[in-house]
Amino acid sequence: MIRSPAETGPPQVGIVASRRVGSAVRRNRAKRRLREAMMRVELEPGTAYVVVAPAGAVTMEFDELTRRLREAIDRGEQEEHR
């Protein structure tokens, strides 16, 4: 996950799924799942996020996917405040 300051306003989210995730159908499913998971995680306003889909994003339990996103966001916040 890449996190960067953006213009003021709501958070901006971009999701990327490479061919490593699988066929176009699997990549689109991974992006849909990540998009839904991002809606369930608290995001900081005025911040842009780029999420790169992991290879297991399609088969991973949804709760696990959401937990990993939260952890990645928390790590980014901790690194930003150092």
N, C-alpha and C. Protein backbone atom coordinates (compact mmCIF):
# COMPACT_ATOMS: atom_id res chain seq x y z
N MET A 1 0.85 -1.17 0.00
CA MET A 1 0.00 0.00 0.00
C MET A 1 0.89 1.22 0.00
N ILE A 2 0.52 2.18 -0.80
CA ILE A 2 1.21 3.45 -0.86
C ILE A 2 0.25 4.50 -0.35
N ARG A 3 0.73 5.37 0.51
CA ARG A 3 -0.11 6.40 1.10
C ARG A 3 0.57 7.74 0.90
N SER A 4 -0.20 8.74 0.48
CA SER A 4 0.38 10.03 0.18
C SER A 4 -0.63 11.13 0.48
N PRO A 5 -0.17 12.30 0.91
CA PRO A 5 -1.11 13.41 1.10
C PRO A 5 -1.76 13.77 -0.24
N ALA A 6 -3.02 14.11 -0.19
CA ALA A 6 -3.76 14.51 -1.38
C ALA A 6 -4.38 15.87 -1.11
N GLU A 7 -5.18 16.32 -2.03
CA GLU A 7 -5.88 17.58 -1.82
C GLU A 7 -6.91 17.39 -0.73
N THR A 8 -7.35 18.48 -0.14
CA THR A 8 -8.34 18.37 0.92
C THR A 8 -9.61 17.75 0.39
N GLY A 9 -10.31 17.08 1.27
CA GLY A 9 -11.55 16.43 0.88
C GLY A 9 -11.53 14.97 1.29
N PRO A 10 -12.40 14.20 0.70
CA PRO A 10 -12.47 12.79 1.09
C PRO A 10 -11.23 12.03 0.65
N PRO A 11 -10.98 10.89 1.27
CA PRO A 11 -9.81 10.09 0.85
C PRO A 11 -9.98 9.60 -0.58
N GLN A 12 -8.87 9.46 -1.27
CA GLN A 12 -8.87 8.94 -2.63
C GLN A 12 -8.24 7.56 -2.61
N VAL A 13 -8.84 6.61 -3.32
CA VAL A 13 -8.36 5.24 -3.32
C VAL A 13 -8.19 4.75 -4.75
N GLY A 14 -7.04 4.16 -5.02
CA GLY A 14 -6.78 3.51 -6.31
C GLY A 14 -6.39 2.06 -6.03
N ILE A 15 -6.94 1.14 -6.81
CA ILE A 15 -6.66 -0.28 -6.60
C ILE A 15 -6.07 -0.86 -7.87
N VAL A 16 -4.96 -1.59 -7.72
CA VAL A 16 -4.25 -2.17 -8.84
C VAL A 16 -4.16 -3.67 -8.64
N ALA A 17 -4.43 -4.43 -9.69
CA ALA A 17 -4.28 -5.89 -9.65
C ALA A 17 -3.48 -6.31 -10.87
N SER A 18 -2.31 -6.88 -10.64
CA SER A 18 -1.46 -7.29 -11.76
C SER A 18 -1.88 -8.68 -12.25
N ARG A 19 -1.26 -9.12 -13.32
CA ARG A 19 -1.56 -10.45 -13.87
C ARG A 19 -1.19 -11.56 -12.91
N ARG A 20 -0.37 -11.25 -11.93
CA ARG A 20 0.00 -12.23 -10.92
C ARG A 20 -1.23 -12.73 -10.16
N VAL A 21 -2.26 -11.89 -10.07
CA VAL A 21 -3.50 -12.27 -9.38
C VAL A 21 -4.25 -13.32 -10.18
N GLY A 22 -4.14 -13.30 -11.50
CA GLY A 22 -4.80 -14.30 -12.33
C GLY A 22 -5.42 -13.69 -13.56
N SER A 23 -6.45 -14.36 -14.07
CA SER A 23 -7.14 -13.92 -15.28
C SER A 23 -7.86 -12.59 -15.02
N ALA A 24 -8.39 -12.01 -16.07
CA ALA A 24 -9.10 -10.73 -15.95
C ALA A 24 -10.28 -10.85 -14.99
N VAL A 25 -10.96 -11.98 -15.02
CA VAL A 25 -12.09 -12.20 -14.12
C VAL A 25 -11.62 -12.19 -12.67
N ARG A 26 -10.51 -12.87 -12.38
CA ARG A 26 -9.97 -12.92 -11.02
C ARG A 26 -9.45 -11.55 -10.58
N ARG A 27 -8.81 -10.83 -11.49
CA ARG A 27 -8.32 -9.49 -11.15
C ARG A 27 -9.47 -8.56 -10.82
N ASN A 28 -10.54 -8.60 -11.60
CA ASN A 28 -11.70 -7.75 -11.33
C ASN A 28 -12.36 -8.12 -10.01
N ARG A 29 -12.46 -9.41 -9.72
CA ARG A 29 -13.04 -9.85 -8.45
C ARG A 29 -12.18 -9.37 -7.28
N ALA A 30 -10.86 -9.48 -7.42
CA ALA A 30 -9.96 -9.01 -6.37
C ALA A 30 -10.14 -7.51 -6.13
N LYS A 31 -10.26 -6.74 -7.19
CA LYS A 31 -10.45 -5.30 -7.05
C LYS A 31 -11.79 -4.97 -6.39
N ARG A 32 -12.85 -5.70 -6.76
CA ARG A 32 -14.17 -5.48 -6.13
C ARG A 32 -14.11 -5.79 -4.64
N ARG A 33 -13.43 -6.89 -4.28
CA ARG A 33 -13.32 -7.26 -2.87
C ARG A 33 -12.50 -6.22 -2.10
N LEU A 34 -11.41 -5.76 -2.68
CA LEU A 34 -10.60 -4.74 -2.02
C LEU A 34 -11.35 -3.42 -1.88
N ARG A 35 -12.11 -3.07 -2.90
CA ARG A 35 -12.90 -1.84 -2.83
C ARG A 35 -13.89 -1.90 -1.67
N GLU A 36 -14.57 -3.04 -1.52
CA GLU A 36 -15.52 -3.22 -0.43
C GLU A 36 -14.80 -3.20 0.92
N ALA A 37 -13.66 -3.85 1.00
CA ALA A 37 -12.90 -3.86 2.25
C ALA A 37 -12.44 -2.45 2.63
N MET A 38 -12.05 -1.66 1.64
CA MET A 38 -11.62 -0.28 1.91
C MET A 38 -12.76 0.56 2.47
N MET A 39 -13.99 0.25 2.08
CA MET A 39 -15.15 0.98 2.61
C MET A 39 -15.38 0.67 4.08
N ARG A 40 -14.86 -0.44 4.55
CA ARG A 40 -15.06 -0.84 5.95
C ARG A 40 -13.92 -0.43 6.85
N VAL A 41 -12.91 0.19 6.29
CA VAL A 41 -11.74 0.64 7.05
C VAL A 41 -11.79 2.16 7.13
N GLU A 42 -11.45 2.70 8.30
CA GLU A 42 -11.46 4.15 8.46
C GLU A 42 -10.25 4.75 7.74
N LEU A 43 -10.51 5.66 6.83
CA LEU A 43 -9.46 6.30 6.05
C LEU A 43 -9.36 7.77 6.44
N GLU A 44 -8.16 8.30 6.37
CA GLU A 44 -7.92 9.69 6.74
C GLU A 44 -8.30 10.62 5.59
N PRO A 45 -9.13 11.62 5.85
CA PRO A 45 -9.48 12.59 4.79
C PRO A 45 -8.23 13.30 4.28
N GLY A 46 -8.25 13.68 3.03
CA GLY A 46 -7.12 14.39 2.44
C GLY A 46 -5.91 13.51 2.18
N THR A 47 -6.15 12.21 2.05
CA THR A 47 -5.05 11.26 1.82
C THR A 47 -5.39 10.39 0.62
N ALA A 48 -4.38 10.11 -0.19
CA ALA A 48 -4.56 9.22 -1.34
C ALA A 48 -3.93 7.87 -1.01
N TYR A 49 -4.62 6.80 -1.32
CA TYR A 49 -4.15 5.45 -1.06
C TYR A 49 -4.08 4.69 -2.37
N VAL A 50 -3.01 3.95 -2.57
CA VAL A 50 -2.91 3.04 -3.71
C VAL A 50 -2.73 1.64 -3.12
N VAL A 51 -3.66 0.75 -3.45
CA VAL A 51 -3.64 -0.61 -2.92
C VAL A 51 -3.28 -1.55 -4.06
N VAL A 52 -2.26 -2.37 -3.83
CA VAL A 52 -1.86 -3.38 -4.80
C VAL A 52 -2.40 -4.72 -4.32
N ALA A 53 -3.24 -5.34 -5.13
CA ALA A 53 -3.90 -6.58 -4.74
C ALA A 53 -2.88 -7.70 -4.57
N PRO A 54 -2.93 -8.40 -3.43
CA PRO A 54 -2.06 -9.56 -3.26
C PRO A 54 -2.58 -10.73 -4.10
N ALA A 55 -1.72 -11.68 -4.38
CA ALA A 55 -2.11 -12.82 -5.22
C ALA A 55 -3.29 -13.58 -4.64
N GLY A 56 -3.43 -13.65 -3.32
CA GLY A 56 -4.50 -14.41 -2.69
C GLY A 56 -5.76 -13.60 -2.40
N ALA A 57 -5.89 -12.41 -2.97
CA ALA A 57 -7.03 -11.54 -2.65
C ALA A 57 -8.37 -12.15 -3.02
N VAL A 58 -8.39 -13.04 -3.99
CA VAL A 58 -9.66 -13.64 -4.43
C VAL A 58 -10.09 -14.76 -3.48
N THR A 59 -9.13 -15.54 -2.99
CA THR A 59 -9.46 -16.71 -2.17
C THR A 59 -9.40 -16.45 -0.68
N MET A 60 -8.79 -15.36 -0.27
CA MET A 60 -8.64 -15.04 1.14
C MET A 60 -10.00 -14.75 1.77
N GLU A 61 -10.17 -15.15 3.03
CA GLU A 61 -11.39 -14.81 3.76
C GLU A 61 -11.52 -13.28 3.80
N PHE A 62 -12.76 -12.80 3.68
CA PHE A 62 -12.98 -11.35 3.61
C PHE A 62 -12.51 -10.65 4.89
N ASP A 63 -12.77 -11.26 6.05
CA ASP A 63 -12.33 -10.65 7.31
C ASP A 63 -10.80 -10.54 7.36
N GLU A 64 -10.12 -11.54 6.84
CA GLU A 64 -8.65 -11.53 6.81
C GLU A 64 -8.16 -10.41 5.87
N LEU A 65 -8.81 -10.25 4.74
CA LEU A 65 -8.46 -9.20 3.79
C LEU A 65 -8.62 -7.82 4.44
N THR A 66 -9.73 -7.63 5.12
CA THR A 66 -9.99 -6.35 5.80
C THR A 66 -8.96 -6.11 6.90
N ARG A 67 -8.63 -7.14 7.66
CA ARG A 67 -7.64 -7.02 8.74
C ARG A 67 -6.29 -6.61 8.17
N ARG A 68 -5.88 -7.24 7.07
CA ARG A 68 -4.58 -6.90 6.45
C ARG A 68 -4.56 -5.46 5.94
N LEU A 69 -5.68 -5.00 5.41
CA LEU A 69 -5.74 -3.60 4.96
C LEU A 69 -5.58 -2.65 6.14
N ARG A 70 -6.29 -2.94 7.24
CA ARG A 70 -6.17 -2.10 8.43
C ARG A 70 -4.72 -2.05 8.92
N GLU A 71 -4.07 -3.22 8.95
CA GLU A 71 -2.68 -3.27 9.41
C GLU A 71 -1.77 -2.46 8.49
N ALA A 72 -1.98 -2.55 7.19
CA ALA A 72 -1.16 -1.79 6.24
C ALA A 72 -1.36 -0.29 6.42
N ILE A 73 -2.59 0.12 6.65
CA ILE A 73 -2.88 1.54 6.86
C ILE A 73 -2.24 2.01 8.16
N ASP A 74 -2.37 1.19 9.22
CA ASP A 74 -1.76 1.55 10.50
C ASP A 74 -0.25 1.66 10.39
N ARG A 75 0.38 0.73 9.67
CA ARG A 75 1.84 0.80 9.47
C ARG A 75 2.22 2.09 8.75
N GLY A 76 1.43 2.46 7.74
CA GLY A 76 1.70 3.70 7.01
C GLY A 76 1.59 4.91 7.89
N GLU A 77 0.60 4.93 8.79
CA GLU A 77 0.44 6.06 9.71
C GLU A 77 1.59 6.13 10.68
N GLN A 78 2.06 4.98 11.19
CA GLN A 78 3.17 4.97 12.12
C GLN A 78 4.45 5.46 11.45
N GLU A 79 4.71 5.03 10.23
CA GLU A 79 5.91 5.46 9.51
C GLU A 79 5.86 6.95 9.19
N GLU A 80 4.65 7.46 8.94
CA GLU A 80 4.51 8.87 8.60
C GLU A 80 4.83 9.76 9.79
N HIS A 81 4.57 9.28 11.00
CA HIS A 81 4.77 10.10 12.20
C HIS A 81 6.17 9.95 12.78
N ARG A 82 7.05 9.25 12.14
CA ARG A 82 8.43 9.11 12.64
C ARG A 82 9.27 10.28 12.27
